[in-house]
Protein backbone atom coordinates (compact mmCIF):
# COMPACT_ATOMS: atom_id res chain seq x y z
CA MET A 1 252.81 15.24 99.11
CA GLN A 2 255.99 14.96 101.25
CA LYS A 3 258.15 11.72 100.53
CA PRO A 4 258.68 9.33 103.22
CA LEU A 5 261.95 10.07 105.25
CA HIS A 6 264.71 7.95 107.04
CA THR A 7 265.57 8.52 110.53
CA LEU A 8 268.91 9.27 109.15
CA GLU A 9 267.54 12.03 106.92
CA ARG A 10 265.37 13.44 109.79
CA ARG A 11 268.27 13.49 112.03
CA LEU A 12 270.55 15.55 109.42
CA LEU A 13 267.42 17.65 108.59
CA LYS A 14 266.93 18.90 112.04
CA THR A 15 270.75 19.69 112.52
CA LEU A 16 270.82 21.85 109.49
CA SER A 17 267.63 23.44 110.08
CA SER A 18 269.46 25.87 112.70
CA LYS A 19 272.79 26.46 110.88
CA LYS A 20 271.46 26.04 107.16
CA GLU A 21 274.87 24.93 106.04
CA GLY A 22 278.08 23.30 106.95
CA THR A 23 280.87 20.73 106.00
CA LEU A 24 279.81 17.11 106.07
CA GLU A 25 282.29 16.54 109.04
CA GLU A 26 280.73 19.32 111.20
CA VAL A 27 277.18 18.24 110.58
CA THR A 28 278.06 14.58 110.83
CA LYS A 29 279.47 15.38 114.26
CA GLU A 30 276.58 17.38 115.76
CA ALA A 31 273.86 14.97 114.25
CA GLY A 32 275.55 11.94 116.23
CA LEU A 33 276.11 9.91 113.06
CA ASN A 34 279.05 8.25 111.41
CA LEU A 35 280.34 9.39 108.35
CA ASP A 36 278.90 6.40 106.49
CA GLN A 37 275.31 7.22 107.71
CA ALA A 38 275.61 11.06 106.88
CA ARG A 39 276.89 10.39 103.29
CA ARG A 40 273.74 7.94 102.63
CA ALA A 41 271.50 10.48 104.07
CA VAL A 42 273.12 13.29 102.03
CA GLU A 43 272.44 11.11 98.89
CA TRP A 44 268.86 10.08 99.90
CA LEU A 45 268.13 14.09 100.43
CA LYS A 46 269.84 15.38 97.35
CA SER A 47 267.56 12.66 95.15
CA LYS A 48 264.47 14.51 96.89
CA ASN A 49 265.88 18.16 95.98
CA MET A 50 266.00 18.72 99.98
CA LEU A 51 270.00 19.21 100.25
CA ALA A 52 272.46 20.60 97.65
CA ALA A 53 276.32 19.45 98.21
CA ASP A 54 279.40 21.31 96.82
CA ILE A 55 282.76 19.68 96.91
CA GLU A 56 285.55 22.21 97.72
CA LEU A 57 289.29 21.44 96.78
CA ILE A 58 291.45 22.04 99.55
CA HIS A 59 295.47 22.47 99.38
CA THR A 60 296.92 22.38 102.83
CA ILE A 61 300.48 23.73 102.79
CA LEU A 62 302.76 21.81 104.76
CA LEU A 63 306.62 22.11 105.67
CA ASP A 64 308.99 19.52 104.00
CA THR A 65 312.51 18.79 105.54
CA GLU A 66 314.21 21.62 104.57
CA GLY A 67 311.52 23.93 105.66
CA ARG A 68 311.27 22.09 109.16
CA ARG A 69 314.98 22.46 109.52
CA ALA A 70 314.81 26.14 108.49
CA VAL A 71 312.18 26.68 111.47
CA LYS A 72 314.51 24.99 113.95
CA GLU A 73 317.95 26.62 112.77
CA GLY A 74 317.08 29.30 110.37
CA LEU A 75 317.29 30.03 106.57
CA PRO A 76 320.81 29.29 105.24
CA GLU A 77 321.40 32.96 104.79
CA ARG A 78 320.70 33.47 108.25
CA ARG A 79 323.07 30.88 109.29
CA LEU A 80 325.78 32.22 107.21
CA VAL A 81 325.56 35.54 108.52
CA LYS A 82 325.38 34.19 112.10
CA HIS A 83 328.72 32.12 111.42
CA LEU A 84 330.25 35.22 109.72
CA SER A 85 329.70 37.14 112.83
CA GLU A 86 331.26 34.31 115.09
CA MET A 87 334.18 34.81 112.94
CA GLY A 88 334.83 38.47 113.57
CA GLY A 89 332.38 39.66 111.25
CA GLU A 90 334.93 39.75 108.29
CA THR A 91 336.78 37.04 106.79
CA PRO A 92 337.99 36.18 103.44
CA LEU A 93 335.43 34.47 101.43
CA ASP A 94 337.53 31.00 100.98
CA ASP A 95 337.67 30.74 104.61
CA LEU A 96 334.08 31.03 105.42
CA LYS A 97 333.02 29.00 102.67
CA ASN A 98 335.40 26.18 104.09
CA GLN A 99 334.09 26.72 107.67
CA PHE A 100 330.62 26.91 106.70
CA ARG A 101 329.48 22.99 106.96
CA THR A 102 327.11 22.52 103.94
CA THR A 103 327.00 21.64 100.34
CA PRO A 104 328.59 23.85 97.84
CA GLN A 105 325.10 24.65 96.33
CA GLU A 106 323.63 25.54 99.94
CA PHE A 107 326.78 27.77 100.20
CA SER A 108 326.10 29.26 96.99
CA ALA A 109 322.48 29.96 97.63
CA ALA A 110 323.05 31.28 100.99
CA LEU A 111 325.66 33.60 99.94
CA GLY A 112 323.77 34.91 97.16
CA ASN A 113 320.34 35.63 99.08
CA ALA A 114 322.44 37.10 101.81
CA ARG A 115 324.01 39.33 99.32
CA ARG A 116 320.61 40.14 97.84
CA ARG A 117 319.54 41.05 101.32
CA GLY A 118 322.60 43.33 102.12
CA TRP A 119 323.15 41.15 104.95
CA ILE A 120 326.79 40.21 103.91
CA VAL A 121 329.00 42.48 101.65
CA ILE A 122 332.02 41.26 99.43
CA GLN A 123 334.88 43.60 99.11
CA SER A 124 338.21 42.88 97.46
CA VAL A 125 341.03 43.27 99.85
CA ASN A 126 344.72 42.77 98.35
CA GLY A 127 342.84 41.04 95.38
CA ARG A 128 341.03 38.79 97.62
CA PRO A 129 337.50 38.60 98.24
CA VAL A 130 336.59 39.39 101.85
CA ALA A 131 333.10 38.70 103.32
CA LYS A 132 331.71 41.32 105.75
CA THR A 133 328.73 41.34 107.90
CA GLY A 134 325.96 44.04 106.49
CA LYS A 135 322.62 45.03 108.11
CA ALA A 136 320.31 41.98 108.74
CA GLU A 137 316.52 42.55 109.86
CA LYS A 138 315.61 40.69 112.85
CA THR A 139 313.06 38.25 110.59
CA THR A 140 312.08 38.28 107.10
CA SER A 141 308.57 37.68 105.41
CA GLU A 142 309.67 34.06 104.31
CA GLU A 143 310.71 33.17 107.85
CA ALA A 144 307.19 34.65 109.58
CA LEU A 145 305.16 32.34 106.98
CA LEU A 146 307.55 29.06 107.87
CA ARG A 147 306.85 29.89 111.62
CA ARG A 148 303.10 30.20 110.89
CA LEU A 149 303.07 27.14 108.50
CA SER A 150 304.72 25.14 112.01
CA GLU A 151 302.60 26.42 114.10
CA GLY A 152 298.91 25.05 112.71
CA ARG A 153 297.16 24.14 109.46
CA VAL A 154 297.55 26.76 106.67
CA THR A 155 295.45 26.08 103.49
CA LEU A 156 296.24 27.81 100.24
CA GLU A 157 292.73 29.56 100.15
CA SER A 158 293.33 31.22 103.32
CA LEU A 159 296.50 33.14 102.26
CA SER A 160 296.46 36.69 101.17
CA SER A 161 298.01 37.67 97.51
CA GLU A 162 301.07 38.92 99.66
CA ASP A 163 301.56 35.73 101.53
CA ARG A 164 300.90 33.49 98.42
CA LEU A 165 303.78 35.77 96.80
CA ILE A 166 305.96 34.75 99.66
CA LEU A 167 304.91 31.24 99.53
CA SER A 168 306.08 31.32 95.63
CA LYS A 169 309.72 31.85 96.60
CA LEU A 170 309.68 29.38 99.16
CA GLU A 171 308.56 26.97 96.76
CA LYS A 172 311.68 27.64 94.69
CA ARG A 173 313.75 26.40 97.34
CA PRO A 174 314.08 22.48 96.94
CA GLN A 175 312.08 20.70 99.95
CA TYR A 176 310.96 23.61 101.64
CA ILE A 177 307.35 23.51 100.87
CA LYS A 178 304.63 20.57 99.98
CA ASP A 179 301.07 20.71 99.20
CA LYS A 180 298.48 18.20 100.42
CA GLU A 181 295.47 18.26 98.23
CA SER A 182 291.89 17.11 99.97
CA LYS A 183 288.42 17.25 99.30
CA THR A 184 285.72 18.69 101.70
CA THR A 185 281.70 18.61 101.41
CA LYS A 186 279.69 21.60 102.09
CA ILE A 187 276.14 20.75 102.49
CA ARG A 188 273.15 23.04 102.65
CA LEU A 189 269.26 22.90 102.75
CA THR A 190 267.34 23.95 99.48
CA PRO A 191 263.95 25.87 100.31
CA LEU A 192 262.00 22.36 100.06
CA GLY A 193 264.47 21.05 102.92
CA LEU A 194 264.13 24.05 104.91
CA GLU A 195 260.41 23.93 104.80
CA THR A 196 260.41 20.22 105.29
CA ALA A 197 262.85 20.57 108.36
CA ARG A 198 260.34 22.77 110.19
CA THR A 199 257.66 20.72 109.88
CA LEU A 200 259.15 17.72 111.21
CA GLY A 201 258.19 16.46 114.81
CA GLU A 202 260.18 15.63 117.75
CA ASP A 203 259.37 12.09 117.76
CA GLU A 204 261.38 9.73 116.12
CA GLU A 205 259.70 7.34 113.48
CA LEU A 206 260.68 3.63 113.95
CA ASP A 207 262.20 1.88 110.70
CA ALA A 208 260.95 -1.75 111.76
CA LEU A 209 258.92 -3.59 114.18
CA THR A 210 260.85 -5.50 116.75
CA PRO A 211 259.71 -8.58 118.68
CA LYS A 212 259.94 -6.36 121.74
CA LEU A 213 257.76 -3.70 120.52
CA LEU A 214 255.35 -6.56 119.56
CA VAL A 215 255.39 -8.25 123.06
CA THR A 216 254.91 -5.10 125.10
CA GLY A 217 252.44 -3.48 122.36
CA ARG A 218 254.25 -0.40 122.37
CA TRP A 219 254.26 -0.31 118.48
CA ARG A 220 250.71 0.82 118.72
CA GLU A 221 252.00 4.05 120.33
CA SER A 222 254.70 4.47 117.84
CA THR A 223 254.96 6.06 114.53
CA LEU A 224 256.14 3.55 112.01
CA ARG A 225 258.31 5.04 109.03
CA SER A 226 256.34 5.06 105.57
CA ILE A 227 258.44 3.40 102.76
CA ASP A 228 258.72 5.22 99.17
CA VAL A 229 258.32 2.61 96.78
CA GLU A 230 259.39 5.14 93.93
CA ALA A 231 262.62 5.85 95.42
CA PRO A 232 265.56 5.07 93.27
CA SER A 233 267.40 1.68 93.84
CA PRO A 234 270.88 0.69 92.85
CA PRO A 235 270.90 -1.90 89.80
CA ILE A 236 271.58 -5.54 90.87
CA TYR A 237 273.09 -7.76 88.53
CA PRO A 238 272.46 -11.31 89.97
CA GLY A 239 274.29 -14.27 88.36
CA LYS A 240 272.65 -15.83 85.08
CA LYS A 241 273.55 -18.26 82.45
CA HIS A 242 275.58 -17.11 79.41
CA PRO A 243 273.18 -16.44 76.57
CA VAL A 244 274.72 -19.00 74.43
CA GLN A 245 273.92 -21.70 77.05
CA ARG A 246 270.42 -20.24 77.49
CA PHE A 247 269.82 -20.85 73.89
CA ILE A 248 271.08 -24.34 74.11
CA ASP A 249 268.89 -25.06 76.70
CA GLU A 250 266.11 -23.55 74.90
CA VAL A 251 267.03 -25.91 71.86
CA ARG A 252 266.85 -28.76 73.79
CA GLU A 253 263.52 -27.82 75.29
CA ILE A 254 262.03 -27.72 72.09
CA PHE A 255 263.10 -31.12 70.74
CA VAL A 256 262.42 -32.90 74.09
CA ALA A 257 259.04 -31.49 73.34
CA LEU A 258 258.78 -32.72 69.96
CA GLY A 259 259.83 -36.23 70.95
CA PHE A 260 263.29 -36.35 70.55
CA GLU A 261 265.91 -37.96 72.84
CA GLU A 262 269.39 -36.27 73.38
CA ILE A 263 272.72 -38.05 72.55
CA ASP A 264 276.24 -36.99 73.31
CA GLY A 265 279.72 -38.23 72.51
CA PRO A 266 283.35 -37.77 72.98
CA ILE A 267 285.05 -34.61 71.28
CA ILE A 268 288.12 -36.35 70.18
CA GLN A 269 286.97 -38.83 67.57
CA PRO A 270 289.00 -41.10 65.06
CA CYS A 271 288.87 -40.35 61.69
CA PHE A 272 286.89 -43.38 61.01
CA TRP A 273 283.62 -42.06 62.75
CA ASN A 274 284.36 -38.23 61.59
CA PHE A 275 284.86 -38.81 58.23
CA ASP A 276 285.16 -42.76 56.69
CA ALA A 277 281.55 -43.88 58.12
CA LEU A 278 280.17 -40.92 56.51
CA PHE A 279 281.40 -41.84 52.89
CA ILE A 280 283.92 -38.97 52.74
CA PRO A 281 287.04 -40.04 50.86
CA GLN A 282 290.48 -40.28 52.37
CA ASP A 283 291.67 -37.49 49.75
CA HIS A 284 288.88 -34.93 50.44
CA PRO A 285 289.90 -31.73 51.17
CA ALA A 286 287.79 -31.19 54.24
CA ARG A 287 290.39 -33.84 55.67
CA GLU A 288 293.36 -31.62 55.26
CA MET A 289 295.41 -29.88 57.96
CA GLN A 290 294.20 -26.32 57.00
CA ASP A 291 290.62 -27.38 57.62
CA THR A 292 291.06 -30.01 60.60
CA PHE A 293 292.70 -30.19 63.94
CA TYR A 294 294.55 -33.50 64.03
CA LEU A 295 296.09 -34.77 67.22
CA ALA A 296 299.74 -35.30 66.91
CA GLY A 297 301.18 -38.82 67.67
CA VAL A 298 297.57 -40.18 68.76
CA LYS A 299 296.17 -43.38 67.15
CA THR A 300 292.96 -44.93 68.15
CA GLY A 301 293.05 -48.41 68.89
CA LYS A 302 291.11 -51.07 66.96
CA ILE A 303 287.73 -50.47 65.74
CA ASP A 304 285.43 -52.68 67.90
CA ASP A 305 282.89 -53.30 65.27
CA GLU A 306 284.62 -55.43 62.34
CA GLU A 307 281.79 -55.94 60.37
CA THR A 308 280.91 -51.78 60.08
CA LEU A 309 284.78 -51.48 59.61
CA ARG A 310 284.68 -54.04 56.55
CA ASN A 311 281.49 -52.82 55.08
CA VAL A 312 282.90 -48.96 55.14
CA SER A 313 285.88 -50.08 53.33
CA LYS A 314 284.10 -51.83 50.84
CA VAL A 315 281.60 -48.93 50.37
CA HIS A 316 284.94 -46.59 49.34
CA GLU A 317 286.61 -48.94 47.29
CA ASP A 318 283.84 -50.24 45.01
CA GLY A 319 280.49 -49.58 46.74
CA GLY A 320 280.01 -52.67 48.40
CA ASP A 321 276.21 -53.99 48.57
CA THR A 322 274.89 -50.71 48.37
CA GLY A 323 274.47 -50.32 44.62
CA SER A 324 277.02 -47.46 44.51
CA THR A 325 280.24 -47.41 42.68
CA GLY A 326 282.16 -46.30 45.43
CA TRP A 327 284.95 -44.06 45.23
CA GLY A 328 287.37 -46.58 43.32
CA TYR A 329 290.45 -46.48 45.44
CA LYS A 330 292.25 -48.67 48.12
CA TRP A 331 290.96 -47.65 51.48
CA ASN A 332 293.80 -47.39 54.10
CA PRO A 333 292.65 -48.39 57.40
CA ALA A 334 295.67 -46.71 59.07
CA LYS A 335 294.39 -43.35 58.15
CA SER A 336 291.06 -44.08 59.85
CA LYS A 337 292.90 -44.65 63.13
CA ASP A 338 294.16 -40.89 63.14
CA THR A 339 292.64 -38.62 65.93
CA VAL A 340 290.87 -35.24 65.17
CA LEU A 341 288.80 -32.80 67.19
CA ARG A 342 285.51 -33.51 65.66
CA THR A 343 284.67 -31.29 62.79
CA HIS A 344 280.81 -31.98 63.30
CA THR A 345 278.53 -33.73 65.67
CA THR A 346 277.77 -36.16 63.07
CA ALA A 347 280.27 -38.34 64.36
CA VAL A 348 278.38 -38.80 67.53
CA THR A 349 275.35 -39.91 65.10
CA VAL A 350 276.86 -42.35 62.85
CA LYS A 351 278.20 -44.08 65.86
CA TYR A 352 274.90 -44.14 67.37
CA LEU A 353 273.35 -45.73 64.46
CA ALA A 354 276.23 -48.27 64.15
CA ASP A 355 275.70 -49.45 67.68
CA PHE A 356 271.92 -49.38 67.99
CA LYS A 357 270.91 -49.98 64.25
CA PRO A 358 267.39 -48.26 65.11
CA GLU A 359 264.43 -49.03 62.81
CA GLU A 360 262.68 -46.16 64.36
CA THR A 361 264.26 -43.27 66.36
CA ARG A 362 264.34 -39.57 67.03
CA VAL A 363 267.85 -38.25 68.76
CA PHE A 364 269.49 -34.96 68.61
CA SER A 365 272.73 -33.47 69.83
CA VAL A 366 274.00 -29.96 70.82
CA GLY A 367 277.74 -29.87 71.10
CA ARG A 368 280.99 -28.18 70.38
CA VAL A 369 282.84 -28.81 67.32
CA PHE A 370 286.09 -27.43 65.97
CA ARG A 371 287.30 -26.47 62.35
CA ASN A 372 290.93 -25.05 61.71
CA GLU A 373 289.62 -21.93 60.30
CA LYS A 374 291.32 -18.21 60.64
CA VAL A 375 289.38 -16.34 63.52
CA THR A 376 286.93 -13.50 61.67
CA PHE A 377 283.94 -11.61 62.62
CA LYS A 378 281.70 -14.52 61.21
CA ASN A 379 284.24 -17.61 61.93
CA ILE A 380 285.90 -19.12 65.13
CA ALA A 381 287.76 -22.20 65.55
CA GLU A 382 285.52 -23.60 68.25
CA PHE A 383 281.76 -23.36 68.09
CA HIS A 384 278.41 -25.24 68.74
CA GLN A 385 276.30 -27.56 66.11
CA ILE A 386 272.88 -28.62 66.40
CA GLU A 387 272.13 -31.86 64.76
CA GLY A 388 269.54 -34.49 64.71
CA ILE A 389 268.18 -37.35 62.51
CA ALA A 390 264.70 -39.19 62.48
CA VAL A 391 264.56 -42.93 61.51
CA GLY A 392 261.42 -44.50 60.11
CA GLU A 393 260.51 -46.84 57.54
CA LYS A 394 258.21 -44.36 55.67
CA VAL A 395 259.91 -41.02 56.53
CA THR A 396 260.12 -38.70 53.65
CA LEU A 397 262.00 -35.58 52.55
CA ARG A 398 258.39 -33.65 53.22
CA ASP A 399 258.70 -35.14 57.06
CA LEU A 400 262.21 -33.27 57.47
CA MET A 401 260.91 -30.00 56.13
CA GLY A 402 257.94 -30.08 58.33
CA LEU A 403 259.96 -30.91 61.18
CA LEU A 404 262.68 -28.07 60.74
CA SER A 405 259.47 -25.68 60.16
CA LYS A 406 258.35 -26.72 63.46
CA PHE A 407 261.56 -26.09 65.24
CA TYR A 408 262.00 -22.96 63.60
CA SER A 409 258.50 -21.56 64.54
CA LYS A 410 258.87 -22.47 68.05
CA LEU A 411 262.23 -20.07 68.09
CA GLY A 412 259.88 -17.53 66.62
CA LEU A 413 260.97 -17.87 63.14
CA LYS A 414 257.55 -18.36 61.04
CA ARG A 415 258.87 -17.92 57.36
CA VAL A 416 261.06 -20.77 56.22
CA LYS A 417 261.98 -21.41 52.68
CA PHE A 418 263.95 -24.76 51.46
CA TRP A 419 265.99 -25.02 48.04
CA PRO A 420 268.10 -28.02 46.70
CA THR A 421 272.01 -28.20 47.54
CA PHE A 422 274.77 -30.70 47.94
CA PHE A 423 275.99 -32.44 50.82
CA PRO A 424 278.90 -35.04 50.95
CA TYR A 425 276.59 -37.49 52.82
CA THR A 426 272.86 -36.79 52.16
CA GLU A 427 271.04 -37.26 48.91
CA PRO A 428 268.64 -35.43 48.04
CA SER A 429 269.95 -32.37 50.32
CA LEU A 430 268.70 -29.04 51.18
CA GLN A 431 269.36 -26.04 52.47
CA SER A 432 266.73 -24.25 54.92
CA VAL A 433 266.51 -20.43 54.51
CA VAL A 434 264.71 -18.36 57.28
CA TYR A 435 263.39 -14.92 56.85
CA PHE A 436 264.59 -12.78 59.83
CA GLU A 437 262.23 -9.65 60.43
CA GLU A 438 264.57 -7.59 62.28
CA LEU A 439 267.15 -7.86 59.38
CA ASN A 440 264.63 -7.71 56.80
CA LYS A 441 266.21 -10.52 54.63
CA TRP A 442 266.67 -14.24 54.22
CA VAL A 443 269.02 -16.05 56.23
CA GLU A 444 270.83 -19.69 55.52
CA LEU A 445 270.70 -21.84 58.44
CA CYS A 446 270.65 -25.64 58.83
CA GLY A 447 271.71 -27.86 56.00
CA MET A 448 269.41 -31.16 55.81
CA GLY A 449 268.68 -34.29 53.94
CA ILE A 450 268.23 -38.29 53.77
CA PHE A 451 271.23 -39.96 54.64
CA ARG A 452 272.90 -41.95 51.64
CA PRO A 453 272.76 -45.68 51.40
CA GLU A 454 276.57 -45.62 51.42
CA VAL A 455 276.43 -44.02 55.10
CA THR A 456 273.42 -46.14 56.39
CA LEU A 457 273.62 -49.47 54.89
CA PRO A 458 277.15 -50.15 55.99
CA VAL A 459 276.48 -49.63 59.90
CA GLY A 460 273.38 -51.99 59.71
CA VAL A 461 270.39 -49.52 59.22
CA LYS A 462 268.23 -50.07 56.33
CA ASN A 463 265.21 -47.60 56.94
CA PRO A 464 265.62 -43.75 55.73
CA VAL A 465 267.15 -41.46 58.32
CA LEU A 466 266.24 -38.04 58.02
CA ALA A 467 269.04 -35.85 59.15
CA TRP A 468 269.90 -31.78 59.67
CA GLY A 469 272.62 -29.84 61.36
CA GLY A 470 273.82 -26.19 61.64
CA GLY A 471 275.63 -23.65 63.70
CA LEU A 472 273.98 -22.53 66.82
CA GLU A 473 276.01 -19.51 67.27
CA ARG A 474 274.49 -17.79 64.31
CA LEU A 475 270.79 -18.24 65.74
CA VAL A 476 272.10 -16.62 68.99
CA MET A 477 273.25 -13.75 67.02
CA LEU A 478 270.17 -13.04 65.04
CA ARG A 479 268.28 -13.14 68.30
CA HIS A 480 270.75 -10.66 69.78
CA GLY A 481 271.69 -8.50 66.97
CA ILE A 482 275.16 -9.42 67.10
CA THR A 483 277.33 -8.96 63.83
CA ASP A 484 280.59 -10.27 65.14
CA ILE A 485 280.75 -13.71 66.40
CA ARG A 486 283.60 -13.04 68.40
CA ASP A 487 281.40 -10.81 70.77
CA LEU A 488 279.51 -13.71 72.23
CA TYR A 489 282.79 -14.89 74.04
CA SER A 490 284.36 -11.53 74.83
CA ASN A 491 283.23 -11.81 78.23
CA ASN A 492 281.91 -8.16 78.07
CA LEU A 493 280.27 -7.72 81.06
CA GLU A 494 278.13 -4.60 80.32
CA TRP A 495 276.80 -6.58 77.17
CA LEU A 496 276.17 -9.76 79.43
CA ARG A 497 274.28 -7.50 82.07
CA ARG A 498 271.87 -5.83 79.27
CA ILE A 499 270.84 -9.37 77.66
CA PRO A 500 267.30 -9.83 79.37
CA LEU A 501 266.47 -13.01 80.68
CA CYS A 502 263.06 -13.16 79.00
CA ARG A 503 262.35 -11.75 75.46
């Protein structure tokens, strides 16, 4: 079945049906099209195997500055012989050189060519070289080719082998000849194209219904062009969210569906909320400069909650009223005022507990955190953390395991295991491990546990607090089969375009 043809295709086919082939420019002019329209029609017809196109490389030979001068005044050797004739046909070589106004290099070349052709003869008279005129032909092959080049467009492809030999001699002369390279497209009908062109009617098909056609009713007498819904179309890359942002949105939707509320807080945090309130001792290795980004010369003001401040200091020193023995050192309030780029979103969570002292709540956060680590295929200095807590009088570790299992299942991860581990501010603590089908192995994800009394009691929360947290980028990498975390933020447009919106 013949594929539908656009008006431009029909006009091009009709034009080519009589001459079978021609250059794109020639056919375009005969068809009454502009070049852009013709190029589109050519590509469409090529995709339908009705037309073939061949690109030919054309080298146009042009005169350069010295070549144009030679056409006007003659070759240097011709001018030299003429000058010698005007001096009487015989003169000492030094006099000829001094009176022939040109550069030493051009005089030497002109004399050499003139002697080679026999136009000038050098003889010794009284020990001095004397130049005498010889027999010069009226014109040379080089001069003939130069005049031909000056009279019209000459291509390298149109020159005979003899002309090309002459051209090679002219090319050795500086600034005589230059070559302009261009491309021309020759198009011709294929057997299918020729057969189609012969069956085309004289009437033009309409591409669209216009208001005038509808009002006058002329559309009933016209033929509307059919549309080829299988025709190839160029790929379109619309704007879309980054894969990491889309995953963040998905995580938010899951937690909201599970009855959680999102919380957020500043990226810059005092050490009090980032470390001290989480019962991390002030000499803990995690606080060192090689692990944490400190803001030089920036201190926080006074902590508003004086009671929480006293409670946290007592917990560090002797355990306070928590039943713990604490860390047994003198807590330094000045260190708690140092500011850092938060190393986890737990700083936001513990501040939320201190502000609201909830008896029951479910909140989560997804935010950027910062670690002073060397950037490698598995570590970057800035990444996202998923974190959440659930507070209630009777919540247990089993509830937390069920909650995380539900979260993973909504991400498409069905097989989950938990094993005991250690985290500084939860007890008991568990590590969640998820089986990933594509990798055929178990992968560690979120850490989890119940906040220690040393964390919850100083901020005024008495009920158990279930907590979990983990890196978001690892989940994104697993989903999209990425092995280098840096690829997520390399702004590789090809990769970003390949990522589907829906799994």
